[in-house]
Amino acid sequence: MHEVSYNRFDLRQGDTLEEDHFDDLTFDAVVANPPYSAKWNPDDKLDDERFRKYGKTAPKSKADFAFVEHMLYHLNNEGTMAVVLPHGVLFRGAAEGKIRQYMIEHDNVLDAVIGLPANLFYGTSIPTVVLVFKKGRERQDIFFIDASNDFEKGKNQNNLTDENVDKILETLEKREDVDKYAHGAEVAEIVENEYNLNIPRYVDTFEEEPPVDVDKLVKEMGEADAKINDLQSELSGMMADLVATDPVAQQQLEAIKRMLQ
């Protein structure tokens, strides 16, 4: 995979939330696409060092933050992590809101939020988001990118082109605001939004409707009315030449003619 030989992989099968196979190992980089909103058993998980410090556990119907906590635990103090998750992790409240707040306010590990297009992955058409975490960082902001409209439409799935990916990476590296695409939010702005990280709160992609030319609209309406009147007059002339073959039909025909007058 990605030109890395299989014999350099350490593959293990199991439930990583129930049984940590990595013990005390830490890594320079972590990349993951865990199952979205999976069910798990949060009972007694606050006794587990991976989850304890957050004070709350991810809800049993949505293990997204449990996977994030597990991976952060194994990220070394200078490491970087990127994880693909559903958008719900950005704004869901209750325990997830508290966990999100702790990661931002106390640990300062969330570095970037990147919104991806819908229908990129097999098995789900929902739009997803990449959360980038960095330990040991000094900056006090979170960089938001809305790349949801940048993709190549495929037959069954959408695709990110090399150009789309390069744009994301270059924007993230520069960390400069780009109209309707990217914004660096200071912690004060995050706090003002009550730690809700929903991307439209930070990247405004609203497109204003072009102003209506009232004079042009009135002129077009007048032209349309004139055309309707001309057609109605033409139809009335054609109807005037029609004659029914019996009295009942003639009465019906006369009624139609009166409607067209």
C-alpha atoms as a PDB file:
ATOM      1  CA  MET A   1       0.000   0.000   0.000  1.00  0.00           C
ATOM      2  CA  HIS A   2       1.476   3.347  -1.096  1.00  0.00           C
ATOM      3  CA  GLU A   3       4.685   1.504  -2.015  1.00  0.00           C
ATOM      4  CA  VAL A   4       5.220   0.280   1.550  1.00  0.00           C
ATOM      5  CA  SER A   5       6.015  -3.432   1.652  1.00  0.00           C
ATOM      6  CA  TYR A   6       3.529  -5.681   3.457  1.00  0.00           C
ATOM      7  CA  ASN A   7       6.286  -7.041   5.703  1.00  0.00           C
ATOM      8  CA  ARG A   8       6.585  -3.626   7.330  1.00  0.00           C
ATOM      9  CA  PHE A   9       2.977  -3.765   8.528  1.00  0.00           C
ATOM     10  CA  ASP A  10       1.926  -5.028  11.943  1.00  0.00           C
ATOM     11  CA  LEU A  11      -1.675  -6.109  11.322  1.00  0.00           C
ATOM     12  CA  ARG A  12      -3.867  -7.238  14.207  1.00  0.00           C
ATOM     13  CA  GLN A  13      -7.537  -8.159  14.346  1.00  0.00           C
ATOM     14  CA  GLY A  14      -9.681  -7.191  17.300  1.00  0.00           C
ATOM     15  CA  ASP A  15     -11.769  -4.525  19.024  1.00  0.00           C
ATOM     16  CA  THR A  16      -9.232  -1.807  19.715  1.00  0.00           C
ATOM     17  CA  LEU A  17     -11.578   0.073  22.059  1.00  0.00           C
ATOM     18  CA  GLU A  18     -12.051  -2.977  24.267  1.00  0.00           C
ATOM     19  CA  GLU A  19      -8.483  -4.240  24.126  1.00  0.00           C
ATOM     20  CA  ASP A  20      -5.575  -1.918  23.390  1.00  0.00           C
ATOM     21  CA  HIS A  21      -3.109  -3.923  21.301  1.00  0.00           C
ATOM     22  CA  PHE A  22      -0.498  -1.163  21.300  1.00  0.00           C
ATOM     23  CA  ASP A  23       0.121  -1.028  25.063  1.00  0.00           C
ATOM     24  CA  ASP A  24       2.368   2.000  25.666  1.00  0.00           C
ATOM     25  CA  LEU A  25       3.593   2.440  22.086  1.00  0.00           C
ATOM     26  CA  THR A  26       3.464   5.959  20.636  1.00  0.00           C
ATOM     27  CA  PHE A  27       3.773   7.046  17.022  1.00  0.00           C
ATOM     28  CA  ASP A  28       4.983  10.031  15.003  1.00  0.00           C
ATOM     29  CA  ALA A  29       1.929   9.883  12.741  1.00  0.00           C
ATOM     30  CA  VAL A  30      -1.528   8.340  12.911  1.00  0.00           C
ATOM     31  CA  VAL A  31      -3.900   8.142   9.927  1.00  0.00           C
ATOM     32  CA  ALA A  32      -7.312   6.531  10.299  1.00  0.00           C
ATOM     33  CA  ASN A  33     -10.802   6.162   8.893  1.00  0.00           C
ATOM     34  CA  PRO A  34     -12.670   4.446  11.750  1.00  0.00           C
ATOM     35  CA  PRO A  35     -16.244   3.145  11.375  1.00  0.00           C
ATOM     36  CA  TYR A  36     -18.661   6.061  11.534  1.00  0.00           C
ATOM     37  CA  SER A  37     -20.856   6.377  14.634  1.00  0.00           C
ATOM     38  CA  ALA A  38     -20.286   2.758  15.625  1.00  0.00           C
ATOM     39  CA  LYS A  39     -21.809   1.300  18.772  1.00  0.00           C
ATOM     40  CA  TRP A  40     -19.488   0.503  21.669  1.00  0.00           C
ATOM     41  CA  ASN A  41     -19.586  -0.272  25.382  1.00  0.00           C
ATOM     42  CA  PRO A  42     -18.611   2.810  27.437  1.00  0.00           C
ATOM     43  CA  ASP A  43     -19.108   1.068  30.801  1.00  0.00           C
ATOM     44  CA  ASP A  44     -16.096   1.468  33.099  1.00  0.00           C
ATOM     45  CA  LYS A  45     -14.125   3.152  30.314  1.00  0.00           C
ATOM     46  CA  LEU A  46     -13.251   6.085  32.592  1.00  0.00           C
ATOM     47  CA  ASP A  47     -10.999   3.581  34.368  1.00  0.00           C
ATOM     48  CA  ASP A  48      -9.073   3.245  31.098  1.00  0.00           C
ATOM     49  CA  GLU A  49      -6.178   5.683  30.822  1.00  0.00           C
ATOM     50  CA  ARG A  50      -7.004   6.381  27.185  1.00  0.00           C
ATOM     51  CA  PHE A  51     -10.392   7.889  28.072  1.00  0.00           C
ATOM     52  CA  ARG A  52     -10.094   8.958  31.717  1.00  0.00           C
ATOM     53  CA  LYS A  53      -8.898  12.544  31.461  1.00  0.00           C
ATOM     54  CA  TYR A  54     -11.859  13.725  29.378  1.00  0.00           C
ATOM     55  CA  GLY A  55     -14.268  13.122  32.257  1.00  0.00           C
ATOM     56  CA  LYS A  56     -16.975  11.892  29.875  1.00  0.00           C
ATOM     57  CA  THR A  57     -17.206   8.917  27.560  1.00  0.00           C
ATOM     58  CA  ALA A  58     -18.477   8.967  24.006  1.00  0.00           C
ATOM     59  CA  PRO A  59     -22.129   7.818  23.850  1.00  0.00           C
ATOM     60  CA  LYS A  60     -22.643   4.107  23.331  1.00  0.00           C
ATOM     61  CA  SER A  61     -24.339   4.719  19.973  1.00  0.00           C
ATOM     62  CA  LYS A  62     -21.492   6.884  18.616  1.00  0.00           C
ATOM     63  CA  ALA A  63     -17.919   5.766  19.276  1.00  0.00           C
ATOM     64  CA  ASP A  64     -16.330   8.438  17.055  1.00  0.00           C
ATOM     65  CA  PHE A  65     -14.602  10.316  19.869  1.00  0.00           C
ATOM     66  CA  ALA A  66     -13.594   7.075  21.575  1.00  0.00           C
ATOM     67  CA  PHE A  67     -11.525   6.227  18.491  1.00  0.00           C
ATOM     68  CA  VAL A  68     -10.058   9.750  18.480  1.00  0.00           C
ATOM     69  CA  GLU A  69      -9.111   9.476  22.167  1.00  0.00           C
ATOM     70  CA  HIS A  70      -7.516   6.076  21.592  1.00  0.00           C
ATOM     71  CA  MET A  71      -5.416   7.428  18.725  1.00  0.00           C
ATOM     72  CA  LEU A  72      -4.399  10.595  20.570  1.00  0.00           C
ATOM     73  CA  TYR A  73      -3.224   8.440  23.462  1.00  0.00           C
ATOM     74  CA  HIS A  74      -0.814   6.676  21.111  1.00  0.00           C
ATOM     75  CA  LEU A  75       0.374   9.855  19.364  1.00  0.00           C
ATOM     76  CA  ASN A  76       3.743  11.023  20.645  1.00  0.00           C
ATOM     77  CA  ASN A  77       4.310  14.528  21.973  1.00  0.00           C
ATOM     78  CA  GLU A  78       5.450  15.870  18.593  1.00  0.00           C
ATOM     79  CA  GLY A  79       3.137  13.728  16.472  1.00  0.00           C
ATOM     80  CA  THR A  80       0.498  14.548  13.859  1.00  0.00           C
ATOM     81  CA  MET A  81      -2.770  12.708  13.335  1.00  0.00           C
ATOM     82  CA  ALA A  82      -5.419  12.868  10.598  1.00  0.00           C
ATOM     83  CA  VAL A  83      -8.734  11.072  10.981  1.00  0.00           C
ATOM     84  CA  VAL A  84     -11.783  10.936   8.698  1.00  0.00           C
ATOM     85  CA  LEU A  85     -15.100  11.228  10.544  1.00  0.00           C
ATOM     86  CA  PRO A  86     -18.748  12.192   9.960  1.00  0.00           C
ATOM     87  CA  HIS A  87     -19.684  15.852  10.405  1.00  0.00           C
ATOM     88  CA  GLY A  88     -21.612  15.096  13.589  1.00  0.00           C
ATOM     89  CA  VAL A  89     -18.397  15.147  15.628  1.00  0.00           C
ATOM     90  CA  LEU A  90     -18.158  18.871  14.917  1.00  0.00           C
ATOM     91  CA  PHE A  91     -21.380  19.937  16.586  1.00  0.00           C
ATOM     92  CA  ARG A  92     -23.056  17.181  18.617  1.00  0.00           C
ATOM     93  CA  GLY A  93     -23.488  18.231  22.235  1.00  0.00           C
ATOM     94  CA  ALA A  94     -23.705  16.503  25.627  1.00  0.00           C
ATOM     95  CA  ALA A  95     -20.675  14.269  26.329  1.00  0.00           C
ATOM     96  CA  GLU A  96     -19.227  14.784  22.845  1.00  0.00           C
ATOM     97  CA  GLY A  97     -19.398  18.544  23.311  1.00  0.00           C
ATOM     98  CA  LYS A  98     -17.482  18.259  26.598  1.00  0.00           C
ATOM     99  CA  ILE A  99     -14.823  16.042  25.006  1.00  0.00           C
ATOM    100  CA  ARG A 100     -14.464  18.449  22.081  1.00  0.00           C
ATOM    101  CA  GLN A 101     -14.108  21.376  24.482  1.00  0.00           C
ATOM    102  CA  TYR A 102     -11.423  19.581  26.508  1.00  0.00           C
ATOM    103  CA  MET A 103      -9.393  18.794  23.394  1.00  0.00           C
ATOM    104  CA  ILE A 104      -9.500  22.447  22.322  1.00  0.00           C
ATOM    105  CA  GLU A 105      -9.400  24.322  25.611  1.00  0.00           C
ATOM    106  CA  HIS A 106      -7.161  22.105  27.740  1.00  0.00           C
ATOM    107  CA  ASP A 107      -5.005  20.045  25.367  1.00  0.00           C
ATOM    108  CA  ASN A 108      -4.895  22.442  22.373  1.00  0.00           C
ATOM    109  CA  VAL A 109      -4.414  19.525  19.986  1.00  0.00           C
ATOM    110  CA  LEU A 110      -6.961  20.224  17.234  1.00  0.00           C
ATOM    111  CA  ASP A 111      -5.108  21.950  14.403  1.00  0.00           C
ATOM    112  CA  ALA A 112      -7.435  21.857  11.383  1.00  0.00           C
ATOM    113  CA  VAL A 113     -10.919  20.907  10.200  1.00  0.00           C
ATOM    114  CA  ILE A 114     -11.267  20.012   6.508  1.00  0.00           C
ATOM    115  CA  GLY A 115     -14.714  19.436   5.018  1.00  0.00           C
ATOM    116  CA  LEU A 116     -14.752  16.918   2.158  1.00  0.00           C
ATOM    117  CA  PRO A 117     -17.320  16.347  -0.616  1.00  0.00           C
ATOM    118  CA  ALA A 118     -20.160  13.875  -0.228  1.00  0.00           C
ATOM    119  CA  ASN A 119     -20.091  10.408  -1.787  1.00  0.00           C
ATOM    120  CA  LEU A 120     -16.320   9.887  -1.690  1.00  0.00           C
ATOM    121  CA  PHE A 121     -16.278   6.529   0.087  1.00  0.00           C
ATOM    122  CA  TYR A 122     -17.746   3.113  -0.616  1.00  0.00           C
ATOM    123  CA  GLY A 123     -20.682   2.220   1.605  1.00  0.00           C
ATOM    124  CA  THR A 124     -21.781   5.756   2.467  1.00  0.00           C
ATOM    125  CA  SER A 125     -22.734   8.878   0.546  1.00  0.00           C
ATOM    126  CA  ILE A 126     -22.527  11.289   3.498  1.00  0.00           C
ATOM    127  CA  PRO A 127     -20.039  14.164   3.446  1.00  0.00           C
ATOM    128  CA  THR A 128     -17.103  13.641   5.773  1.00  0.00           C
ATOM    129  CA  VAL A 129     -14.512  15.734   7.539  1.00  0.00           C
ATOM    130  CA  VAL A 130     -10.798  15.329   8.195  1.00  0.00           C
ATOM    131  CA  LEU A 131      -9.695  16.378  11.671  1.00  0.00           C
ATOM    132  CA  VAL A 132      -5.993  17.136  11.944  1.00  0.00           C
ATOM    133  CA  PHE A 133      -4.478  16.897  15.419  1.00  0.00           C
ATOM    134  CA  LYS A 134      -1.003  17.965  16.483  1.00  0.00           C
ATOM    135  CA  LYS A 135       0.589  17.525  19.861  1.00  0.00           C
ATOM    136  CA  GLY A 136       3.058  20.041  21.216  1.00  0.00           C
ATOM    137  CA  ARG A 137       1.754  22.859  19.054  1.00  0.00           C
ATOM    138  CA  GLU A 138       2.040  26.452  20.270  1.00  0.00           C
ATOM    139  CA  ARG A 139      -0.459  28.230  18.037  1.00  0.00           C
ATOM    140  CA  GLN A 140      -3.892  28.996  19.465  1.00  0.00           C
ATOM    141  CA  ASP A 141      -6.146  28.710  16.435  1.00  0.00           C
ATOM    142  CA  ILE A 142      -7.981  26.122  14.355  1.00  0.00           C
ATOM    143  CA  PHE A 143      -7.846  26.311  10.570  1.00  0.00           C
ATOM    144  CA  PHE A 144     -11.048  25.525   8.665  1.00  0.00           C
ATOM    145  CA  ILE A 145     -11.241  24.477   5.015  1.00  0.00           C
ATOM    146  CA  ASP A 146     -14.481  23.871   3.125  1.00  0.00           C
ATOM    147  CA  ALA A 147     -13.476  21.645   0.203  1.00  0.00           C
ATOM    148  CA  SER A 148     -16.956  20.152  -0.143  1.00  0.00           C
ATOM    149  CA  ASN A 149     -17.518  21.616  -3.613  1.00  0.00           C
ATOM    150  CA  ASP A 150     -14.163  20.666  -5.106  1.00  0.00           C
ATOM    151  CA  PHE A 151     -14.386  17.233  -6.708  1.00  0.00           C
ATOM    152  CA  GLU A 152     -14.668  15.317  -9.949  1.00  0.00           C
ATOM    153  CA  LYS A 153     -18.028  13.639 -10.374  1.00  0.00           C
ATOM    154  CA  GLY A 154     -17.789   9.932 -11.136  1.00  0.00           C
ATOM    155  CA  LYS A 155     -20.343   7.367 -12.248  1.00  0.00           C
ATOM    156  CA  ASN A 156     -20.953   5.928  -8.785  1.00  0.00           C
ATOM    157  CA  GLN A 157     -18.731   8.067  -6.575  1.00  0.00           C
ATOM    158  CA  ASN A 158     -17.146  11.474  -6.485  1.00  0.00           C
ATOM    159  CA  ASN A 159     -13.364  11.731  -6.652  1.00  0.00           C
ATOM    160  CA  LEU A 160     -10.757  14.151  -5.367  1.00  0.00           C
ATOM    161  CA  THR A 161      -8.392  15.052  -8.184  1.00  0.00           C
ATOM    162  CA  ASP A 162      -4.695  15.763  -7.654  1.00  0.00           C
ATOM    163  CA  GLU A 163      -5.551  19.426  -8.170  1.00  0.00           C
ATOM    164  CA  ASN A 164      -8.215  19.278  -5.443  1.00  0.00           C
ATOM    165  CA  VAL A 165      -5.797  17.639  -3.001  1.00  0.00           C
ATOM    166  CA  ASP A 166      -2.986  20.069  -3.818  1.00  0.00           C
ATOM    167  CA  LYS A 167      -5.317  23.004  -3.193  1.00  0.00           C
ATOM    168  CA  ILE A 168      -6.210  21.647   0.257  1.00  0.00           C
ATOM    169  CA  LEU A 169      -2.587  20.985   1.204  1.00  0.00           C
ATOM    170  CA  GLU A 170      -1.305  24.336  -0.073  1.00  0.00           C
ATOM    171  CA  THR A 171      -4.079  26.225   1.717  1.00  0.00           C
ATOM    172  CA  LEU A 172      -3.423  24.348   4.943  1.00  0.00           C
ATOM    173  CA  GLU A 173       0.298  25.042   4.706  1.00  0.00           C
ATOM    174  CA  LYS A 174      -0.183  28.784   4.112  1.00  0.00           C
ATOM    175  CA  ARG A 175      -2.980  29.089   6.719  1.00  0.00           C
ATOM    176  CA  GLU A 176      -4.320  32.230   5.074  1.00  0.00           C
ATOM    177  CA  ASP A 177      -8.011  33.063   4.795  1.00  0.00           C
ATOM    178  CA  VAL A 178      -9.515  32.359   1.374  1.00  0.00           C
ATOM    179  CA  ASP A 179     -12.943  33.785   0.590  1.00  0.00           C
ATOM    180  CA  LYS A 180     -15.619  31.073   0.730  1.00  0.00           C
ATOM    181  CA  TYR A 181     -12.970  28.370   1.184  1.00  0.00           C
ATOM    182  CA  ALA A 182     -10.782  28.757   4.282  1.00  0.00           C
ATOM    183  CA  HIS A 183     -10.581  30.612   7.589  1.00  0.00           C
ATOM    184  CA  GLY A 184      -8.282  30.580  10.593  1.00  0.00           C
ATOM    185  CA  ALA A 185     -10.363  30.885  13.767  1.00  0.00           C
ATOM    186  CA  GLU A 186      -8.819  32.068  17.013  1.00  0.00           C
ATOM    187  CA  VAL A 187      -9.848  30.274  20.193  1.00  0.00           C
ATOM    188  CA  ALA A 188     -11.984  33.272  21.203  1.00  0.00           C
ATOM    189  CA  GLU A 189     -14.098  32.726  18.084  1.00  0.00           C
ATOM    190  CA  ILE A 190     -14.426  29.020  18.912  1.00  0.00           C
ATOM    191  CA  VAL A 191     -15.517  29.878  22.462  1.00  0.00           C
ATOM    192  CA  GLU A 192     -18.040  32.398  21.114  1.00  0.00           C
ATOM    193  CA  ASN A 193     -19.552  29.538  19.103  1.00  0.00           C
ATOM    194  CA  GLU A 194     -19.625  27.366  22.257  1.00  0.00           C
ATOM    195  CA  TYR A 195     -17.061  24.940  20.795  1.00  0.00           C
ATOM    196  CA  ASN A 196     -19.358  24.139  17.899  1.00  0.00           C
ATOM    197  CA  LEU A 197     -17.041  23.467  14.948  1.00  0.00           C
ATOM    198  CA  ASN A 198     -19.659  23.264  12.214  1.00  0.00           C
ATOM    199  CA  ILE A 199     -17.756  24.561   9.187  1.00  0.00           C
ATOM    200  CA  PRO A 200     -20.385  27.078   7.901  1.00  0.00           C
ATOM    201  CA  ARG A 201     -19.958  28.975  11.185  1.00  0.00           C
ATOM    202  CA  TYR A 202     -16.414  29.812  10.118  1.00  0.00           C
ATOM    203  CA  VAL A 203     -16.356  29.609   6.309  1.00  0.00           C
ATOM    204  CA  ASP A 204     -19.202  31.537   4.708  1.00  0.00           C
ATOM    205  CA  THR A 205     -20.000  29.946   1.346  1.00  0.00           C
ATOM    206  CA  PHE A 206     -23.256  31.852   0.835  1.00  0.00           C
ATOM    207  CA  GLU A 207     -23.638  33.147  -2.716  1.00  0.00           C
ATOM    208  CA  GLU A 208     -25.728  36.301  -3.022  1.00  0.00           C
ATOM    209  CA  GLU A 209     -28.453  36.328  -5.632  1.00  0.00           C
ATOM    210  CA  PRO A 210     -27.820  38.855  -8.424  1.00  0.00           C
ATOM    211  CA  PRO A 211     -29.920  42.039  -8.028  1.00  0.00           C
ATOM    212  CA  VAL A 212     -33.234  42.063  -9.881  1.00  0.00           C
ATOM    213  CA  ASP A 213     -33.535  44.612 -12.710  1.00  0.00           C
ATOM    214  CA  VAL A 214     -37.090  45.790 -11.993  1.00  0.00           C
ATOM    215  CA  ASP A 215     -37.393  47.890 -15.169  1.00  0.00           C
ATOM    216  CA  LYS A 216     -36.318  44.948 -17.307  1.00  0.00           C
ATOM    217  CA  LEU A 217     -38.718  42.643 -15.467  1.00  0.00           C
ATOM    218  CA  VAL A 218     -41.671  45.035 -15.989  1.00  0.00           C
ATOM    219  CA  LYS A 219     -40.812  45.317 -19.685  1.00  0.00           C
ATOM    220  CA  GLU A 220     -40.647  41.518 -20.085  1.00  0.00           C
ATOM    221  CA  MET A 221     -43.985  41.118 -18.277  1.00  0.00           C
ATOM    222  CA  GLY A 222     -45.573  43.695 -20.603  1.00  0.00           C
ATOM    223  CA  GLU A 223     -44.195  41.903 -23.656  1.00  0.00           C
ATOM    224  CA  ALA A 224     -45.515  38.586 -22.344  1.00  0.00           C
ATOM    225  CA  ASP A 225     -48.983  40.088 -21.751  1.00  0.00           C
ATOM    226  CA  ALA A 226     -49.021  41.541 -25.274  1.00  0.00           C
ATOM    227  CA  LYS A 227     -48.078  38.184 -26.747  1.00  0.00           C
ATOM    228  CA  ILE A 228     -50.815  36.453 -24.746  1.00  0.00           C
ATOM    229  CA  ASN A 229     -53.373  39.000 -25.989  1.00  0.00           C
ATOM    230  CA  ASP A 230     -52.260  38.484 -29.594  1.00  0.00           C
ATOM    231  CA  LEU A 231     -52.555  34.708 -29.276  1.00  0.00           C
ATOM    232  CA  GLN A 232     -55.953  35.020 -27.608  1.00  0.00           C
ATOM    233  CA  SER A 233     -57.210  37.278 -30.426  1.00  0.00           C
ATOM    234  CA  GLU A 234     -55.902  34.838 -33.018  1.00  0.00           C
ATOM    235  CA  LEU A 235     -57.609  31.936 -31.247  1.00  0.00           C
ATOM    236  CA  SER A 236     -60.885  33.887 -30.973  1.00  0.00           C
ATOM    237  CA  GLY A 237     -60.789  34.531 -34.716  1.00  0.00           C
ATOM    238  CA  MET A 238     -60.281  30.854 -35.410  1.00  0.00           C
ATOM    239  CA  MET A 239     -63.114  29.906 -33.037  1.00  0.00           C
ATOM    240  CA  ALA A 240     -65.481  32.386 -34.736  1.00  0.00           C
ATOM    241  CA  ASP A 241     -65.315  30.342 -37.922  1.00  0.00           C
ATOM    242  CA  LEU A 242     -66.285  27.108 -36.170  1.00  0.00           C
ATOM    243  CA  VAL A 243     -69.869  25.786 -36.391  1.00  0.00           C
ATOM    244  CA  ALA A 244     -71.197  22.823 -34.406  1.00  0.00           C
ATOM    245  CA  THR A 245     -73.180  19.970 -35.971  1.00  0.00           C
ATOM    246  CA  ASP A 246     -75.952  19.886 -33.327  1.00  0.00           C
ATOM    247  CA  PRO A 247     -77.622  22.353 -30.887  1.00  0.00           C
ATOM    248  CA  VAL A 248     -75.921  20.980 -27.736  1.00  0.00           C
ATOM    249  CA  ALA A 249     -72.468  21.176 -29.258  1.00  0.00           C
ATOM    250  CA  GLN A 250     -73.271  24.666 -30.543  1.00  0.00           C
ATOM    251  CA  GLN A 251     -74.159  25.828 -27.013  1.00  0.00           C
ATOM    252  CA  GLN A 252     -70.848  24.462 -25.719  1.00  0.00           C
ATOM    253  CA  LEU A 253     -68.968  26.152 -28.554  1.00  0.00           C
ATOM    254  CA  GLU A 254     -70.659  29.492 -27.829  1.00  0.00           C
ATOM    255  CA  ALA A 255     -69.673  29.188 -24.148  1.00  0.00           C
ATOM    256  CA  ILE A 256     -66.030  28.676 -25.134  1.00  0.00           C
ATOM    257  CA  LYS A 257     -66.186  31.689 -27.455  1.00  0.00           C
ATOM    258  CA  ARG A 258     -67.509  33.873 -24.618  1.00  0.00           C
ATOM    259  CA  MET A 259     -64.630  32.729 -22.385  1.00  0.00           C
ATOM    260  CA  LEU A 260     -62.139  33.869 -25.018  1.00  0.00           C
ATOM    261  CA  GLN A 261     -63.676  37.332 -25.427  1.00  0.00           C
END
